Amino acid sequence: MSDSFLPRWREVRPGADDVVAPDERLPWPQTSIMGVQHVIAMFGSTILAPILMGFDPNVAILMSGVGTLIFFLITGGRVPSYLGSSFAFIGVVIAATGYTGSGPNANIGMALGGIIACGLLYTLIGFIVQAVGTGWIERFMPPVVTGAIVAVIGLNLASVPVKNMASNNFESWMQAMTFVCVGMVAVLTRGMVQRLLILVGLIAAAIIYAILTNGMGLGKPVDLSGLASAAWIGMPNFSAPQFSPQAMVLIAPIVIILVAENLGHIKAVTAMTGRNLDQYMGRAFIGDGVATMVSGGVGGTGVTTYAENIGVMAATRIYSTAVFMVAGLIALLLGFSPKFGALIQAIPLPVMGGVSIVVFGLIAVAGAKIWVENKVDFSQNKNLIVAAITLIIGTGDFTLKFGSFALGGIGTATFGAIILYQLLNRSDKR
């Protein structure tokens, strides 16, 4: 990549099996289409998280775009990443605000103050990492640990589409039909269509779903009434923060999970691209922290690097940071379009569930790929035990509570893997 602050991408026209590196890009029309695919990949989760907390979804979409662009600028466009609403905040926000789960959150200001405090702490951690360096990462995060953590990010999310996005047998079959559509696009097509396997598969599955429901009456029909009534352009419902010490103390420790997610993301991208991105670790933390503070300042959720977008990169083998710059701009514009939000919400939940199964599975496989490429020796008991325990506590969402703070599956798996490896490695050396 060039020595300039922002990248100067080299245009490439790759074959179906070629990798597009972070400092390369497809022609701009194709790059824009890939950006749309990344926006759609994150849309379901980024919309769902604010709804569960009583936040405005359009603000969340807008701030996901703004946050992605902030991250892009602070990392100098060197780290391919999309920032979307973090699910790690849901439990503590509900606890801090007493949200009942219906309608707007009346105490959203208290939550926003806590989110800003978390973002500030995250930013400070980033500056420390930037000053001290990343040498400690290799000691604490060998391939057996990083592979397990990346795999857990996908496995921990598996229950979301399987348990929560299909309410009956018909919808379960529609989920299966969706991931079959994506698989068929991935295997039977070539060129740009193959690169857009997630987007094309989703569109094909949605059409089939509409034929079976709206046309044949076999299930819940696609409802486009919200799309018809939504305005093309409109302002989101911004909110102002309130700084409650109790809420800040409750929400700020979520920084532990955000650090773990970002660390796992960078390790996954490093493994997939063959480019060591550890030197940008501190800047990535700072970018995510600043984006979280900006989002919390106007009524948005805390943001984090998104596992869904790791899955899209793994499937398409396109890691160009130009795609994420475009995706951020698209999300920014769409945040001011209630009609687009209505369109995405009109996508049948089982179809989104089927796509999520594919994307989360690809993340899990990316973790296994780290083991394979680094020739992790599982005949060594320390590697076997670390991987085995990490996968199970992460997948099972093993939770540890420290007072009012709960460290969920991804957090316990991440820090558990790091601590357990150090403990067993020292014992092995003795």
Protein backbone atom coordinates (compact mmCIF):
# COMPACT_ATOMS: atom_id res chain seq x y z
CA MET A 1 0.00 0.00 0.00
CA SER A 2 1.24 3.53 -0.71
CA ASP A 3 3.01 5.67 1.89
CA SER A 4 0.25 8.32 1.69
CA PHE A 5 -2.09 8.65 4.66
CA LEU A 6 -5.04 7.29 2.70
CA PRO A 7 -4.64 4.40 0.26
CA ARG A 8 -4.25 4.70 -3.48
CA TRP A 9 -5.94 1.55 -4.63
CA ARG A 10 -4.64 -0.33 -7.64
CA GLU A 11 -7.50 -1.30 -9.95
CA VAL A 12 -7.66 -5.03 -10.73
CA ARG A 13 -9.95 -7.27 -12.75
CA PRO A 14 -9.56 -10.61 -10.98
CA GLY A 15 -10.69 -14.05 -12.00
CA ALA A 16 -13.37 -15.91 -10.08
CA ASP A 17 -10.86 -17.49 -7.67
CA ASP A 18 -8.48 -14.53 -7.27
CA VAL A 19 -8.12 -12.51 -4.08
CA VAL A 20 -8.54 -8.73 -4.09
CA ALA A 21 -6.15 -7.31 -1.48
CA PRO A 22 -6.89 -4.36 0.86
CA ASP A 23 -4.81 -2.00 -1.33
CA GLU A 24 -6.56 -3.11 -4.54
CA ARG A 25 -10.04 -2.46 -5.86
CA LEU A 26 -12.41 -3.59 -8.55
CA PRO A 27 -13.64 -1.00 -11.07
CA TRP A 28 -15.83 1.51 -9.23
CA PRO A 29 -19.20 0.16 -10.47
CA GLN A 30 -18.37 -3.32 -9.14
CA THR A 31 -16.87 -1.83 -5.97
CA SER A 32 -20.14 0.02 -5.37
CA ILE A 33 -22.16 -3.18 -5.78
CA MET A 34 -19.90 -4.94 -3.28
CA GLY A 35 -20.46 -2.03 -0.90
CA VAL A 36 -24.22 -2.56 -1.18
CA GLN A 37 -23.75 -6.24 -0.34
CA HIS A 38 -21.83 -5.36 2.83
CA VAL A 39 -24.52 -2.88 3.87
CA ILE A 40 -27.19 -5.55 3.43
CA ALA A 41 -25.09 -8.12 5.31
CA MET A 42 -24.93 -5.93 8.41
CA PHE A 43 -28.45 -4.53 8.08
CA GLY A 44 -30.41 -7.21 9.91
CA SER A 45 -28.29 -7.09 13.08
CA THR A 46 -27.79 -3.34 13.01
CA ILE A 47 -31.58 -2.87 12.80
CA LEU A 48 -32.38 -5.55 15.39
CA ALA A 49 -30.04 -4.29 18.13
CA PRO A 50 -31.55 -0.79 18.43
CA ILE A 51 -35.09 -2.20 18.30
CA LEU A 52 -34.30 -4.46 21.27
CA MET A 53 -33.00 -1.45 23.22
CA GLY A 54 -35.72 1.01 22.19
CA PHE A 55 -33.44 3.09 19.95
CA ASP A 56 -34.30 4.53 16.52
CA PRO A 57 -33.14 2.04 13.81
CA ASN A 58 -32.57 4.79 11.24
CA VAL A 59 -30.15 6.53 13.61
CA ALA A 60 -28.34 3.20 14.00
CA ILE A 61 -28.03 2.81 10.22
CA LEU A 62 -26.83 6.40 9.84
CA MET A 63 -24.24 6.02 12.59
CA SER A 64 -23.05 2.68 11.25
CA GLY A 65 -22.12 4.56 8.07
CA VAL A 66 -20.56 7.47 9.96
CA GLY A 67 -18.72 5.06 12.27
CA THR A 68 -17.37 3.04 9.36
CA LEU A 69 -16.02 6.21 7.73
CA ILE A 70 -14.45 7.34 11.02
CA PHE A 71 -12.80 3.94 11.38
CA PHE A 72 -11.62 4.13 7.75
CA LEU A 73 -10.02 7.55 8.31
CA ILE A 74 -8.34 6.75 11.63
CA THR A 75 -6.86 3.48 10.32
CA GLY A 76 -5.75 5.26 7.13
CA GLY A 77 -7.93 2.96 5.04
CA ARG A 78 -5.67 -0.01 5.83
CA VAL A 79 -8.10 -2.26 7.75
CA PRO A 80 -11.14 -3.64 5.88
CA SER A 81 -13.98 -3.38 8.37
CA TYR A 82 -17.59 -2.32 8.77
CA LEU A 83 -18.90 -0.98 12.08
CA GLY A 84 -22.45 -1.85 13.07
CA SER A 85 -24.61 -1.94 16.21
CA SER A 86 -23.03 -4.03 18.96
CA PHE A 87 -25.24 -6.65 20.63
CA ALA A 88 -22.93 -6.53 23.66
CA PHE A 89 -24.74 -3.40 24.88
CA ILE A 90 -28.26 -4.85 24.86
CA GLY A 91 -28.29 -6.45 28.32
CA VAL A 92 -26.61 -3.59 30.18
CA VAL A 93 -28.66 -0.90 28.41
CA ILE A 94 -31.90 -2.66 29.37
CA ALA A 95 -30.63 -3.04 32.94
CA ALA A 96 -29.51 0.61 33.17
CA THR A 97 -32.67 2.12 31.69
CA GLY A 98 -35.36 -0.31 32.86
CA TYR A 99 -36.58 -0.66 29.27
CA THR A 100 -39.69 -2.86 29.02
CA GLY A 101 -39.14 -3.94 25.42
CA SER A 102 -41.91 -1.99 23.68
CA GLY A 103 -41.70 1.34 21.87
CA PRO A 104 -39.06 4.07 22.33
CA ASN A 105 -36.78 3.86 25.36
CA ALA A 106 -37.89 6.63 27.74
CA ASN A 107 -34.48 6.66 29.46
CA ILE A 108 -32.36 6.52 26.33
CA GLY A 109 -30.28 9.50 27.50
CA MET A 110 -28.85 7.51 30.43
CA ALA A 111 -27.88 4.70 28.06
CA LEU A 112 -26.20 7.13 25.67
CA GLY A 113 -24.08 8.57 28.49
CA GLY A 114 -22.89 5.07 29.35
CA ILE A 115 -22.14 4.30 25.71
CA ILE A 116 -20.02 7.45 25.44
CA ALA A 117 -18.12 6.48 28.60
CA CYS A 118 -17.45 3.04 27.11
CA GLY A 119 -16.23 4.60 23.87
CA LEU A 120 -13.89 6.94 25.76
CA LEU A 121 -12.36 4.04 27.70
CA TYR A 122 -12.01 2.10 24.45
CA THR A 123 -10.19 5.03 22.83
CA LEU A 124 -7.77 5.30 25.76
CA ILE A 125 -6.96 1.58 25.45
CA GLY A 126 -6.25 2.18 21.77
CA PHE A 127 -3.76 4.96 22.55
CA ILE A 128 -1.98 2.70 25.04
CA VAL A 129 -1.71 -0.10 22.46
CA GLN A 130 -0.49 2.41 19.89
CA ALA A 131 2.23 3.65 22.25
CA VAL A 132 3.37 0.32 23.68
CA GLY A 133 3.19 -1.69 20.45
CA THR A 134 1.70 -5.06 19.58
CA GLY A 135 4.53 -7.43 20.51
CA TRP A 136 2.43 -8.82 23.35
CA ILE A 137 -0.20 -9.98 20.84
CA GLU A 138 1.92 -12.82 19.46
CA ARG A 139 2.71 -14.02 22.98
CA PHE A 140 -0.86 -13.97 24.17
CA MET A 141 -2.61 -14.77 20.87
CA PRO A 142 -0.88 -17.72 19.11
CA PRO A 143 -2.72 -19.36 16.17
CA VAL A 144 -4.48 -21.96 18.33
CA VAL A 145 -6.02 -19.14 20.39
CA THR A 146 -6.87 -16.81 17.51
CA GLY A 147 -8.40 -19.62 15.47
CA ALA A 148 -10.61 -20.65 18.37
CA ILE A 149 -11.72 -17.07 19.06
CA VAL A 150 -12.60 -16.37 15.43
CA ALA A 151 -14.52 -19.64 15.18
CA VAL A 152 -16.43 -18.84 18.38
CA ILE A 153 -17.59 -15.49 16.98
CA GLY A 154 -19.53 -17.40 14.33
CA LEU A 155 -20.61 -20.32 16.51
CA ASN A 156 -21.84 -18.09 19.34
CA LEU A 157 -24.24 -16.38 16.92
CA ALA A 158 -25.59 -19.65 15.50
CA SER A 159 -28.62 -19.78 17.77
CA VAL A 160 -29.86 -16.37 16.56
CA PRO A 161 -31.06 -17.53 13.12
CA VAL A 162 -31.75 -21.13 14.12
CA LYS A 163 -33.84 -20.41 17.24
CA ASN A 164 -35.17 -16.89 16.73
CA MET A 165 -35.74 -16.37 13.00
CA ALA A 166 -38.15 -19.20 12.18
CA SER A 167 -41.36 -19.65 14.19
CA ASN A 168 -42.78 -22.73 12.43
CA ASN A 169 -41.88 -25.63 10.15
CA PHE A 170 -42.62 -23.71 6.94
CA GLU A 171 -40.26 -20.91 7.94
CA SER A 172 -37.57 -23.43 8.82
CA TRP A 173 -37.88 -24.88 5.33
CA MET A 174 -37.61 -21.34 3.94
CA GLN A 175 -34.37 -20.87 5.84
CA ALA A 176 -33.06 -24.08 4.29
CA MET A 177 -34.22 -22.94 0.86
CA THR A 178 -32.32 -19.67 1.37
CA PHE A 179 -28.97 -21.18 2.23
CA VAL A 180 -29.39 -23.62 -0.66
CA CYS A 181 -29.93 -20.62 -2.96
CA VAL A 182 -26.75 -19.00 -1.68
CA GLY A 183 -24.85 -22.26 -2.09
CA MET A 184 -26.09 -22.71 -5.66
CA VAL A 185 -25.01 -19.19 -6.57
CA ALA A 186 -21.60 -19.83 -4.97
CA VAL A 187 -21.01 -23.04 -6.93
CA LEU A 188 -22.87 -22.71 -10.23
CA THR A 189 -22.19 -19.08 -11.19
CA ARG A 190 -19.05 -17.26 -12.25
CA GLY A 191 -17.64 -13.75 -12.31
CA MET A 192 -19.35 -10.88 -10.51
CA VAL A 193 -22.52 -12.88 -9.85
CA GLN A 194 -20.46 -15.38 -7.88
CA ARG A 195 -18.81 -12.55 -5.96
CA LEU A 196 -22.28 -11.31 -5.01
CA LEU A 197 -23.42 -14.72 -3.77
CA ILE A 198 -24.94 -13.36 -0.54
CA LEU A 199 -26.92 -10.59 -2.26
CA VAL A 200 -28.02 -12.68 -5.27
CA GLY A 201 -28.94 -15.63 -3.06
CA LEU A 202 -31.00 -13.38 -0.81
CA ILE A 203 -32.90 -11.85 -3.74
CA ALA A 204 -33.60 -15.28 -5.27
CA ALA A 205 -34.80 -16.66 -1.93
CA ALA A 206 -37.03 -13.63 -1.29
CA ILE A 207 -38.68 -14.06 -4.71
CA ILE A 208 -39.32 -17.76 -4.08
CA TYR A 209 -40.68 -16.95 -0.61
CA ALA A 210 -43.07 -14.36 -2.09
CA ILE A 211 -44.33 -16.84 -4.70
CA LEU A 212 -45.03 -19.48 -2.04
CA THR A 213 -46.69 -17.10 0.43
CA ASN A 214 -48.29 -14.18 -1.42
CA GLY A 215 -49.02 -16.34 -4.48
CA MET A 216 -49.90 -19.72 -2.99
CA GLY A 217 -50.87 -18.82 0.59
CA LEU A 218 -48.45 -21.25 2.24
CA GLY A 219 -47.13 -18.93 4.94
CA LYS A 220 -46.93 -15.38 6.23
CA PRO A 221 -46.98 -13.15 3.13
CA VAL A 222 -44.46 -10.44 2.36
CA ASP A 223 -45.89 -7.14 3.66
CA LEU A 224 -44.96 -4.10 1.56
CA SER A 225 -47.44 -1.69 3.17
CA GLY A 226 -44.73 -0.08 5.27
CA LEU A 227 -42.62 0.42 2.17
CA ALA A 228 -45.46 2.15 0.33
CA SER A 229 -46.19 4.58 3.16
CA ALA A 230 -42.57 5.41 4.09
CA ALA A 231 -41.07 8.72 2.94
CA TRP A 232 -38.10 8.75 0.60
CA ILE A 233 -36.20 11.29 2.71
CA GLY A 234 -36.59 12.01 6.40
CA MET A 235 -34.60 12.88 9.51
CA PRO A 236 -33.94 10.16 12.08
CA ASN A 237 -35.01 10.74 15.69
CA PHE A 238 -31.83 12.01 17.32
CA SER A 239 -31.45 11.94 21.12
CA ALA A 240 -29.15 13.69 23.60
CA PRO A 241 -27.05 11.86 26.22
CA GLN A 242 -27.38 12.19 29.98
CA PHE A 243 -24.42 11.28 32.15
CA SER A 244 -25.61 9.14 35.04
CA PRO A 245 -22.70 7.71 37.09
CA GLN A 246 -24.65 4.52 37.81
CA ALA A 247 -25.42 3.88 34.14
CA MET A 248 -21.86 4.73 33.11
CA VAL A 249 -20.37 2.27 35.60
CA LEU A 250 -22.76 -0.42 34.39
CA ILE A 251 -22.23 0.10 30.65
CA ALA A 252 -18.54 1.11 30.39
CA PRO A 253 -17.12 -2.40 31.14
CA ILE A 254 -18.56 -3.58 27.82
CA VAL A 255 -15.26 -2.27 26.44
CA ILE A 256 -13.79 -5.68 27.33
CA ILE A 257 -16.06 -7.36 24.79
CA LEU A 258 -15.48 -4.68 22.15
CA VAL A 259 -11.71 -5.14 22.45
CA ALA A 260 -12.15 -8.90 22.10
CA GLU A 261 -14.37 -8.51 19.02
CA ASN A 262 -12.02 -6.06 17.32
CA LEU A 263 -8.98 -8.18 18.15
CA GLY A 264 -10.66 -11.26 16.68
CA HIS A 265 -11.70 -9.31 13.58
CA ILE A 266 -8.18 -8.09 12.83
CA LYS A 267 -6.73 -11.55 13.42
CA ALA A 268 -9.33 -13.06 11.09
CA VAL A 269 -8.64 -10.53 8.33
CA THR A 270 -4.89 -11.03 8.80
CA ALA A 271 -5.33 -14.77 8.32
CA MET A 272 -7.58 -14.37 5.27
CA THR A 273 -5.47 -11.75 3.48
CA GLY A 274 -1.99 -12.85 4.48
CA ARG A 275 -1.31 -9.22 5.50
CA ASN A 276 -0.18 -8.64 9.08
CA LEU A 277 -2.47 -5.89 10.40
CA ASP A 278 -1.21 -5.93 14.00
CA GLN A 279 0.50 -2.57 13.47
CA TYR A 280 -2.95 -1.00 13.02
CA MET A 281 -4.40 -2.58 16.17
CA GLY A 282 -4.16 0.56 18.28
CA ARG A 283 -5.61 2.73 15.54
CA ALA A 284 -8.43 0.24 15.05
CA PHE A 285 -9.31 0.45 18.76
CA ILE A 286 -9.18 4.25 18.62
CA GLY A 287 -11.36 4.31 15.50
CA ASP A 288 -13.97 2.03 17.05
CA GLY A 289 -13.90 4.00 20.31
CA VAL A 290 -14.32 7.37 18.63
CA ALA A 291 -17.12 5.99 16.42
CA THR A 292 -18.91 4.67 19.53
CA MET A 293 -18.68 8.07 21.24
CA VAL A 294 -19.98 9.90 18.16
CA SER A 295 -22.84 7.41 17.81
CA GLY A 296 -23.80 7.69 21.48
CA GLY A 297 -23.70 11.47 21.22
CA VAL A 298 -26.69 11.62 18.84
CA GLY A 299 -28.82 8.64 19.91
CA GLY A 300 -27.09 5.69 18.25
CA THR A 301 -25.94 2.39 19.67
CA GLY A 302 -22.37 1.46 20.49
CA VAL A 303 -20.65 0.10 17.39
CA THR A 304 -18.23 -2.71 16.72
CA THR A 305 -16.50 -4.51 13.88
CA TYR A 306 -19.04 -6.83 12.33
CA ALA A 307 -18.76 -10.60 12.07
CA GLU A 308 -21.27 -10.64 9.20
CA ASN A 309 -18.85 -8.66 7.05
CA ILE A 310 -16.00 -11.04 7.84
CA GLY A 311 -18.23 -13.76 6.41
CA VAL A 312 -18.89 -11.77 3.24
CA MET A 313 -15.16 -11.16 2.76
CA ALA A 314 -14.43 -14.84 3.29
CA ALA A 315 -17.03 -15.80 0.70
CA THR A 316 -16.09 -13.23 -1.95
CA ARG A 317 -12.31 -13.07 -1.31
CA ILE A 318 -12.54 -9.30 -1.76
CA TYR A 319 -10.79 -7.41 1.05
CA SER A 320 -10.50 -4.02 -0.63
CA THR A 321 -10.91 -1.18 1.86
CA ALA A 322 -12.48 0.84 -0.98
CA VAL A 323 -15.56 -1.39 -0.62
CA PHE A 324 -15.98 -0.32 3.01
CA MET A 325 -15.55 3.35 2.21
CA VAL A 326 -18.38 2.99 -0.32
CA ALA A 327 -20.46 0.94 2.14
CA GLY A 328 -20.07 3.64 4.79
CA LEU A 329 -21.20 6.35 2.37
CA ILE A 330 -24.19 4.25 1.29
CA ALA A 331 -25.27 3.61 4.89
CA LEU A 332 -24.87 7.31 5.70
CA LEU A 333 -27.23 8.25 2.87
CA LEU A 334 -29.68 5.46 3.68
CA GLY A 335 -29.90 6.65 7.27
CA PHE A 336 -31.90 9.58 5.91
CA SER A 337 -34.23 7.32 3.89
CA PRO A 338 -37.11 5.79 5.85
CA LYS A 339 -38.19 4.03 2.64
CA PHE A 340 -34.97 2.02 2.46
CA GLY A 341 -35.34 1.04 6.09
CA ALA A 342 -38.86 -0.15 5.32
CA LEU A 343 -37.57 -2.14 2.33
CA ILE A 344 -35.02 -4.03 4.40
CA GLN A 345 -37.55 -4.67 7.15
CA ALA A 346 -39.89 -6.12 4.49
CA ILE A 347 -37.38 -8.90 3.74
CA PRO A 348 -38.92 -12.06 5.25
CA LEU A 349 -37.30 -12.99 8.55
CA PRO A 350 -36.71 -16.64 7.49
CA VAL A 351 -34.80 -15.43 4.42
CA MET A 352 -32.58 -13.23 6.60
CA GLY A 353 -32.20 -16.22 8.90
CA GLY A 354 -31.00 -18.44 6.08
CA VAL A 355 -28.47 -15.84 4.98
CA SER A 356 -27.29 -15.47 8.58
CA ILE A 357 -26.68 -19.22 8.81
CA VAL A 358 -24.36 -19.01 5.80
CA VAL A 359 -22.51 -15.92 7.03
CA PHE A 360 -22.02 -17.14 10.60
CA GLY A 361 -20.87 -20.52 9.31
CA LEU A 362 -18.27 -18.86 7.10
CA ILE A 363 -16.91 -17.04 10.13
CA ALA A 364 -16.54 -20.31 12.03
CA VAL A 365 -14.73 -21.88 9.08
CA ALA A 366 -12.39 -18.87 8.92
CA GLY A 367 -11.27 -19.76 12.43
CA ALA A 368 -10.55 -23.36 11.42
CA LYS A 369 -8.62 -22.01 8.43
CA ILE A 370 -6.25 -20.23 10.82
CA TRP A 371 -5.42 -23.59 12.42
CA VAL A 372 -4.85 -25.28 9.07
CA GLU A 373 -2.70 -22.54 7.56
CA ASN A 374 -0.56 -22.25 10.70
CA LYS A 375 -0.26 -26.04 11.06
CA VAL A 376 -1.49 -26.05 14.65
CA ASP A 377 -0.41 -29.33 16.24
CA PHE A 378 -3.40 -30.84 18.03
CA SER A 379 -1.33 -33.78 19.20
CA GLN A 380 -0.10 -31.33 21.86
CA ASN A 381 -2.50 -31.47 24.77
CA LYS A 382 -2.24 -27.74 25.50
CA ASN A 383 -3.52 -26.90 22.00
CA LEU A 384 -6.23 -29.56 22.16
CA ILE A 385 -7.54 -28.43 25.55
CA VAL A 386 -7.49 -24.71 24.72
CA ALA A 387 -9.37 -25.20 21.45
CA ALA A 388 -11.88 -27.65 22.93
CA ILE A 389 -12.81 -25.54 25.95
CA THR A 390 -12.90 -22.27 23.99
CA LEU A 391 -15.29 -23.66 21.36
CA ILE A 392 -17.71 -25.07 23.90
CA ILE A 393 -17.90 -22.13 26.32
CA GLY A 394 -18.19 -19.74 23.38
CA THR A 395 -20.83 -21.73 21.52
CA GLY A 396 -22.78 -22.44 24.71
CA ASP A 397 -22.64 -18.73 25.66
CA PHE A 398 -20.97 -19.51 29.00
CA THR A 399 -21.47 -16.37 31.12
CA LEU A 400 -19.60 -15.12 34.16
CA LYS A 401 -21.03 -12.34 36.32
CA PHE A 402 -19.02 -9.76 38.23
CA GLY A 403 -21.63 -7.94 40.28
CA SER A 404 -24.03 -6.35 37.81
CA PHE A 405 -21.67 -6.91 34.87
CA ALA A 406 -22.02 -10.10 32.83
CA LEU A 407 -19.27 -11.37 30.53
CA GLY A 408 -21.01 -13.44 27.85
CA GLY A 409 -19.86 -16.28 25.62
CA ILE A 410 -17.57 -14.41 23.23
CA GLY A 411 -15.92 -12.51 26.08
CA THR A 412 -15.40 -15.55 28.31
CA ALA A 413 -14.14 -17.59 25.36
CA THR A 414 -11.70 -14.87 24.30
CA PHE A 415 -10.15 -14.11 27.65
CA GLY A 416 -10.50 -17.72 28.78
CA ALA A 417 -8.52 -18.91 25.75
CA ILE A 418 -5.78 -16.36 26.36
CA ILE A 419 -5.45 -17.11 30.08
CA LEU A 420 -5.78 -20.88 29.70
CA TYR A 421 -3.12 -21.03 26.98
CA GLN A 422 -0.65 -19.05 29.09
CA LEU A 423 -1.31 -21.29 32.09
CA LEU A 424 -0.95 -24.56 30.15
CA ASN A 425 2.00 -23.32 28.12
CA ARG A 426 3.99 -22.48 31.24
CA SER A 427 3.13 -25.82 32.79
CA ASP A 428 4.18 -27.58 29.59
CA LYS A 429 7.54 -25.80 29.56
CA ARG A 430 8.21 -26.91 33.12
